[in-house]
Amino acid sequence: MKKLISILAGLLVAQLVLAVALNMTDRDYGAFEAKERLLGFEKQTIDRLLIEDGEGSLTLKISADRWVLPEEGDFPAAQKRIDALIEKLAGLEKGWPVATTSSASRRFKVADDKYERRVTLYSGDEVAARLFVGSSPGFRKVHLRPDDEEAVFVAEFNTWEVDVQADSWIDKALIKIDEAEIEQLAIGGELTLQRQQGDLQLVGLEAQESTNLEAVNKLAGKLGDLQIQSLLGEEEGADYQQHDPDLAVEVKLKDGRQLNYQFFQVENESHYILKRSDRDRYFEVASYQVDPLKQASREKLVVVKDPDQDAAPEIKTSQNEIE
């Protein structure tokens, strides 16, 4: 009997311990709702971002109704990418924390003095939110910690989405032009294309020649789709201006503007240095975009008509058709 009472007493103690533990768990984590937003800010009010990696930083801000890079002379930034980042940060949810101690924050690289990225969002001069981005526990996952909490969370995110390199944020499509707006295109001082009856035609065709419209349109498309690979300073490309460009292209647009492109080939590199007449900065552009323009020739843009095509075709009929 005494043995039974001892067993029942032991079970009662175990139940009490379990109840206390559950209550403590409720007190520690009950505030973290799976659908609660990780950062509390209104995305439409954000007008500046500061991204830091502990060694360098990058600032993005709105100026004259568009995002720019102030440290690069207010060079235009990639609007859609920044808007997408703010949208993603605003949509992050807490879920359950993976840790709640300062030692864990350092281990997961989301501490005040140890982090992969620190992202600060501003509304005017006020800090709207600050987020620490840390180590990655798995594919497309990172540890995150809001500045005003000790809890560490895991969410779908990538460190590269908050890169501190300016080239990751520049508007790479800034120098694109609509090929349909090209009125005249001169390549290397040897080839000239002029728009006639809606199409770009090679100037100086002979009697039996016509323009290879497919080849010409592809060539114009290469120039129209030209994108910036990297941003250079005014002084970084100045040395190239001391010699003739490897390729010069002149474009006249329907609105009357004229754009002059100077391409300088970089030895043993897969890019060219570009200076365009309407921009103060130098750019790096990929070789695969420029090489088709450099390799353009009259032979590739001309179709030679077979003189026999003007002769009347011979009409052949089979015996069955005669019968």
Protein backbone atom coordinates (compact mmCIF):
# COMPACT_ATOMS: atom_id res chain seq x y z
CA MET A 1 0.00 0.00 0.00
CA LYS A 2 2.78 2.39 0.95
CA LYS A 3 4.52 1.53 -2.32
CA LEU A 4 1.38 2.45 -4.30
CA ILE A 5 1.06 5.75 -2.47
CA SER A 6 4.70 6.56 -3.26
CA ILE A 7 4.11 5.84 -6.97
CA LEU A 8 1.00 8.02 -7.08
CA ALA A 9 2.81 10.82 -5.26
CA GLY A 10 5.63 10.61 -7.78
CA LEU A 11 3.18 10.87 -10.67
CA LEU A 12 1.57 13.92 -9.05
CA VAL A 13 4.93 15.64 -8.71
CA ALA A 14 5.74 14.87 -12.35
CA GLN A 15 2.44 16.38 -13.47
CA LEU A 16 3.10 19.52 -11.43
CA VAL A 17 6.57 19.90 -12.95
CA LEU A 18 5.16 19.46 -16.47
CA ALA A 19 2.43 22.04 -15.81
CA VAL A 20 4.99 24.57 -14.56
CA ALA A 21 7.18 23.97 -17.61
CA LEU A 22 4.26 24.48 -19.98
CA ASN A 23 3.28 27.68 -18.22
CA MET A 24 6.85 28.99 -18.49
CA THR A 25 6.87 28.15 -22.20
CA ASP A 26 3.62 30.05 -22.67
CA ARG A 27 5.06 33.07 -20.90
CA ASP A 28 8.27 33.02 -22.95
CA TYR A 29 6.87 32.46 -26.45
CA GLY A 30 3.16 33.10 -26.31
CA ALA A 31 3.66 36.58 -27.73
CA PHE A 32 5.14 35.27 -30.99
CA GLU A 33 2.30 34.65 -33.40
CA ALA A 34 3.07 32.80 -36.64
CA LYS A 35 1.40 35.52 -38.71
CA GLU A 36 2.82 38.52 -36.89
CA ARG A 37 4.93 40.86 -39.03
CA LEU A 38 8.64 40.78 -38.34
CA LEU A 39 9.07 44.51 -38.97
CA GLY A 40 6.49 47.13 -38.18
CA PHE A 41 6.72 49.84 -40.83
CA GLU A 42 4.55 51.34 -43.56
CA LYS A 43 6.24 50.61 -46.86
CA GLN A 44 4.82 53.66 -48.67
CA THR A 45 6.61 56.00 -46.22
CA ILE A 46 10.13 54.61 -46.79
CA ASP A 47 12.38 57.06 -48.63
CA ARG A 48 15.88 55.91 -47.65
CA LEU A 49 17.72 52.63 -47.08
CA LEU A 50 21.09 52.09 -45.43
CA ILE A 51 22.74 48.69 -45.94
CA GLU A 52 25.89 47.79 -43.96
CA ASP A 53 28.10 44.70 -43.79
CA GLY A 54 30.47 45.76 -41.00
CA GLU A 55 33.14 46.93 -43.44
CA GLY A 56 31.27 49.11 -45.89
CA SER A 57 27.85 50.58 -46.50
CA LEU A 58 25.52 51.65 -49.27
CA THR A 59 22.73 54.23 -49.24
CA LEU A 60 19.67 54.34 -51.47
CA LYS A 61 17.30 57.27 -51.33
CA ILE A 62 14.42 58.86 -53.18
CA SER A 63 15.28 62.05 -55.03
CA ALA A 64 12.92 63.77 -57.47
CA ASP A 65 10.47 60.86 -57.20
CA ARG A 66 12.95 58.12 -58.04
CA TRP A 67 15.51 55.98 -56.24
CA VAL A 68 19.14 57.02 -56.65
CA LEU A 69 22.59 56.20 -55.28
CA PRO A 70 23.76 59.38 -53.50
CA GLU A 71 27.31 58.08 -53.05
CA GLU A 72 27.51 57.71 -56.86
CA GLY A 73 26.42 61.24 -57.67
CA ASP A 74 22.71 60.37 -57.49
CA PHE A 75 23.10 57.84 -60.27
CA PRO A 76 19.70 56.25 -61.05
CA ALA A 77 19.03 53.01 -59.16
CA ALA A 78 16.99 49.97 -60.13
CA GLN A 79 13.50 51.05 -59.13
CA LYS A 80 11.78 47.67 -59.38
CA ARG A 81 14.45 45.89 -57.36
CA ILE A 82 14.26 48.38 -54.49
CA ASP A 83 10.47 48.34 -54.47
CA ALA A 84 10.56 44.54 -54.41
CA LEU A 85 12.98 44.55 -51.48
CA ILE A 86 10.82 46.91 -49.41
CA GLU A 87 7.76 44.81 -50.26
CA LYS A 88 9.55 41.66 -49.15
CA LEU A 89 10.82 43.18 -45.89
CA ALA A 90 7.32 44.44 -45.11
CA GLY A 91 5.89 40.97 -45.70
CA LEU A 92 8.30 39.00 -43.48
CA GLU A 93 6.56 37.08 -40.68
CA LYS A 94 7.94 36.03 -37.33
CA GLY A 95 7.00 32.41 -36.90
CA TRP A 96 8.62 30.74 -33.89
CA PRO A 97 11.99 32.03 -32.66
CA VAL A 98 14.98 29.72 -32.87
CA ALA A 99 16.80 31.51 -30.03
CA THR A 100 16.30 34.32 -27.52
CA THR A 101 19.74 34.96 -26.01
CA SER A 102 22.52 37.41 -26.81
CA SER A 103 25.03 34.56 -27.18
CA ALA A 104 22.78 32.98 -29.82
CA SER A 105 22.58 36.31 -31.64
CA ARG A 106 26.35 36.32 -32.01
CA ARG A 107 26.36 32.66 -33.04
CA PHE A 108 23.79 33.31 -35.75
CA LYS A 109 25.53 36.58 -36.76
CA VAL A 110 22.61 38.88 -35.96
CA ALA A 111 24.15 40.70 -32.98
CA ASP A 112 24.61 44.46 -32.75
CA ASP A 113 28.35 44.07 -33.27
CA LYS A 114 28.41 40.92 -35.39
CA TYR A 115 26.20 40.56 -38.45
CA GLU A 116 26.23 39.76 -42.14
CA ARG A 117 24.02 42.73 -43.00
CA ARG A 118 22.28 45.48 -41.10
CA VAL A 119 19.43 47.10 -43.00
CA THR A 120 17.95 50.38 -41.76
CA LEU A 121 14.80 51.81 -43.30
CA TYR A 122 14.08 55.51 -42.90
CA SER A 123 10.99 57.61 -43.20
CA GLY A 124 12.33 61.14 -43.43
CA ASP A 125 14.86 61.50 -40.61
CA GLU A 126 13.20 58.82 -38.47
CA VAL A 127 14.27 55.17 -38.33
CA ALA A 128 11.21 53.19 -39.40
CA ALA A 129 12.77 49.74 -38.89
CA ARG A 130 16.13 48.02 -38.58
CA LEU A 131 16.89 44.40 -39.36
CA PHE A 132 19.95 42.22 -38.80
CA VAL A 133 20.58 39.57 -41.46
CA GLY A 134 22.81 36.70 -40.36
CA SER A 135 23.98 33.22 -41.23
CA SER A 136 22.12 30.80 -43.46
CA PRO A 137 20.76 27.54 -41.98
CA GLY A 138 19.72 26.23 -45.39
CA PHE A 139 18.88 27.02 -49.00
CA ARG A 140 17.23 30.45 -49.34
CA LYS A 141 16.97 30.73 -45.55
CA VAL A 142 18.68 33.18 -43.21
CA HIS A 143 18.62 34.08 -39.55
CA LEU A 144 16.97 37.45 -38.91
CA ARG A 145 16.60 39.65 -35.86
CA PRO A 146 14.67 42.91 -35.60
CA ASP A 147 16.62 45.63 -33.83
CA ASP A 148 14.09 45.97 -31.00
CA GLU A 149 14.04 42.26 -30.05
CA GLU A 150 16.40 39.59 -28.73
CA ALA A 151 14.57 36.74 -30.48
CA VAL A 152 16.16 35.26 -33.61
CA PHE A 153 13.96 34.00 -36.45
CA VAL A 154 14.45 32.07 -39.68
CA ALA A 155 12.78 33.25 -42.88
CA GLU A 156 13.04 32.91 -46.65
CA PHE A 157 15.60 35.50 -47.63
CA ASN A 158 19.01 35.80 -49.32
CA THR A 159 21.98 37.87 -48.19
CA TRP A 160 22.62 38.96 -51.79
CA GLU A 161 19.26 40.73 -51.76
CA VAL A 162 20.87 43.36 -49.53
CA ASP A 163 24.26 43.66 -51.24
CA VAL A 164 26.46 46.64 -50.37
CA GLN A 165 28.00 46.91 -53.87
CA ALA A 166 26.71 49.84 -55.93
CA ASP A 167 26.78 47.79 -59.15
CA SER A 168 24.06 45.56 -57.70
CA TRP A 169 21.69 48.52 -57.49
CA ILE A 170 22.36 50.66 -60.55
CA ASP A 171 19.74 50.95 -63.27
CA LYS A 172 21.46 48.67 -65.78
CA ALA A 173 18.87 49.40 -68.45
CA LEU A 174 19.55 53.15 -68.31
CA ILE A 175 21.27 53.28 -71.70
CA LYS A 176 18.73 51.14 -73.54
CA ILE A 177 16.98 52.75 -76.49
CA ASP A 178 13.97 51.72 -78.53
CA GLU A 179 15.34 50.40 -81.81
CA ALA A 180 12.14 51.56 -83.55
CA GLU A 181 13.20 55.15 -82.71
CA ILE A 182 16.51 54.85 -84.57
CA GLU A 183 16.43 57.03 -87.66
CA GLN A 184 20.05 56.53 -88.70
CA LEU A 185 22.80 54.22 -87.49
CA ALA A 186 26.46 54.57 -88.48
CA ILE A 187 28.86 51.81 -87.39
CA GLY A 188 32.63 52.26 -87.48
CA GLY A 189 32.49 54.94 -90.17
CA GLU A 190 31.94 52.27 -92.83
CA LEU A 191 28.34 51.14 -92.49
CA THR A 192 25.37 53.49 -92.51
CA LEU A 193 21.76 52.45 -92.06
CA GLN A 194 18.95 54.86 -92.83
CA ARG A 195 15.28 54.34 -92.06
CA GLN A 196 13.24 54.24 -95.27
CA GLN A 197 9.57 53.30 -95.50
CA GLY A 198 9.63 52.07 -91.90
CA ASP A 199 12.75 49.86 -92.14
CA LEU A 200 16.45 50.50 -91.60
CA GLN A 201 18.10 50.13 -95.00
CA LEU A 202 21.78 49.97 -95.85
CA VAL A 203 22.94 53.11 -97.64
CA GLY A 204 24.80 52.66 -100.96
CA LEU A 205 23.17 49.52 -102.34
CA GLU A 206 23.91 48.50 -105.91
CA ALA A 207 21.35 47.43 -108.50
CA GLN A 208 21.27 43.73 -107.62
CA GLU A 209 21.48 44.27 -103.85
CA SER A 210 18.90 44.63 -101.10
CA THR A 211 19.12 44.98 -97.33
CA ASN A 212 19.08 41.85 -95.22
CA LEU A 213 16.37 43.19 -92.91
CA GLU A 214 16.61 40.30 -90.45
CA ALA A 215 20.34 40.85 -89.94
CA VAL A 216 19.93 44.63 -89.70
CA ASN A 217 17.13 44.39 -87.15
CA LYS A 218 19.20 42.03 -85.01
CA LEU A 219 22.12 44.45 -85.15
CA ALA A 220 19.97 47.42 -84.18
CA GLY A 221 18.47 45.31 -81.41
CA LYS A 222 21.92 44.61 -79.97
CA LEU A 223 22.58 48.32 -79.67
CA GLY A 224 19.10 49.08 -78.38
CA ASP A 225 19.31 46.40 -75.66
CA LEU A 226 22.77 47.43 -74.45
CA GLN A 227 22.96 47.22 -70.65
CA ILE A 228 25.42 48.49 -68.09
CA GLN A 229 27.45 45.76 -66.43
CA SER A 230 29.36 48.00 -64.02
CA LEU A 231 29.60 51.69 -63.18
CA LEU A 232 32.94 53.48 -63.49
CA GLY A 233 33.96 56.92 -62.34
CA GLU A 234 34.77 59.77 -64.70
CA GLU A 235 38.48 59.38 -63.99
CA GLU A 236 38.52 55.58 -64.28
CA GLY A 237 37.87 55.62 -68.00
CA ALA A 238 39.75 58.80 -68.87
CA ASP A 239 42.89 56.92 -69.92
CA TYR A 240 40.97 55.24 -72.72
CA GLN A 241 40.07 58.61 -74.22
CA GLN A 242 43.76 59.13 -75.05
CA HIS A 243 43.53 56.78 -78.02
CA ASP A 244 40.94 56.08 -80.70
CA PRO A 245 38.08 53.79 -79.69
CA ASP A 246 38.03 50.22 -80.93
CA LEU A 247 34.51 50.89 -82.17
CA ALA A 248 32.57 54.12 -82.72
CA VAL A 249 28.82 54.16 -83.32
CA GLU A 250 26.64 57.17 -84.11
CA VAL A 251 22.88 57.09 -83.68
CA LYS A 252 20.30 59.65 -84.76
CA LEU A 253 16.88 59.26 -83.18
CA LYS A 254 13.50 60.31 -84.48
CA ASP A 255 13.25 63.03 -81.82
CA GLY A 256 16.38 64.69 -83.23
CA ARG A 257 18.85 63.54 -80.57
CA GLN A 258 22.24 62.22 -81.59
CA LEU A 259 24.10 59.69 -79.44
CA ASN A 260 27.76 58.89 -79.95
CA TYR A 261 29.10 55.60 -78.54
CA GLN A 262 32.80 54.97 -78.02
CA PHE A 263 33.80 51.42 -77.12
CA PHE A 264 37.28 50.64 -75.81
CA GLN A 265 38.28 46.99 -75.64
CA VAL A 266 39.91 45.79 -72.41
CA GLU A 267 42.71 43.32 -73.00
CA ASN A 268 42.14 39.83 -71.59
CA GLU A 269 38.75 40.89 -70.19
CA SER A 270 35.20 40.00 -71.22
CA HIS A 271 33.97 43.58 -71.32
CA TYR A 272 34.40 46.91 -73.05
CA ILE A 273 34.62 50.40 -71.60
CA LEU A 274 31.80 52.56 -72.96
CA LYS A 275 31.54 56.33 -73.09
CA ARG A 276 28.27 57.67 -74.43
CA SER A 277 27.93 61.33 -75.36
CA ASP A 278 24.92 62.03 -73.14
CA ARG A 279 26.52 60.60 -69.95
CA ASP A 280 29.43 61.84 -67.85
CA ARG A 281 30.24 58.40 -66.45
CA TYR A 282 32.07 55.51 -68.04
CA PHE A 283 30.49 52.06 -68.05
CA GLU A 284 31.55 48.47 -68.40
CA VAL A 285 29.46 46.55 -70.92
CA ALA A 286 29.69 42.86 -71.75
CA SER A 287 31.70 41.82 -74.80
CA TYR A 288 28.93 39.57 -76.11
CA GLN A 289 26.74 42.64 -76.52
CA VAL A 290 29.35 44.68 -78.39
CA ASP A 291 31.12 42.06 -80.53
CA PRO A 292 28.24 41.69 -83.06
CA LEU A 293 28.43 45.44 -83.69
CA LYS A 294 32.21 45.34 -84.05
CA GLN A 295 32.05 42.35 -86.39
CA ALA A 296 29.32 43.82 -88.60
CA SER A 297 30.19 43.91 -92.29
CA ARG A 298 28.55 44.88 -95.54
CA GLU A 299 28.49 41.26 -96.66
CA LYS A 300 26.43 40.25 -93.62
CA LEU A 301 23.87 43.01 -94.18
CA VAL A 302 23.33 42.66 -97.93
CA VAL A 303 21.33 40.18 -99.97
CA VAL A 304 22.50 39.83 -103.59
CA LYS A 305 19.67 39.08 -105.96
CA ASP A 306 20.18 36.29 -108.48
CA PRO A 307 19.82 37.90 -111.93
CA ASP A 308 18.13 34.74 -113.22
CA GLN A 309 15.23 35.40 -110.86
CA ASP A 310 13.94 38.09 -113.27
CA ALA A 311 13.60 35.57 -116.06
CA ALA A 312 10.18 34.02 -116.67
CA PRO A 313 9.94 30.68 -114.90
CA GLU A 314 9.74 27.58 -117.08
CA ILE A 315 6.29 25.99 -116.90
CA LYS A 316 6.35 22.24 -116.75
CA THR A 317 3.31 20.03 -117.03
CA SER A 318 2.99 16.33 -116.58
CA GLN A 319 1.38 13.99 -119.10
CA ASN A 320 -1.47 13.41 -116.65
CA GLU A 321 -2.24 17.14 -116.50
CA ILE A 322 -2.35 17.34 -120.35
CA GLU A 323 -4.78 14.44 -120.52
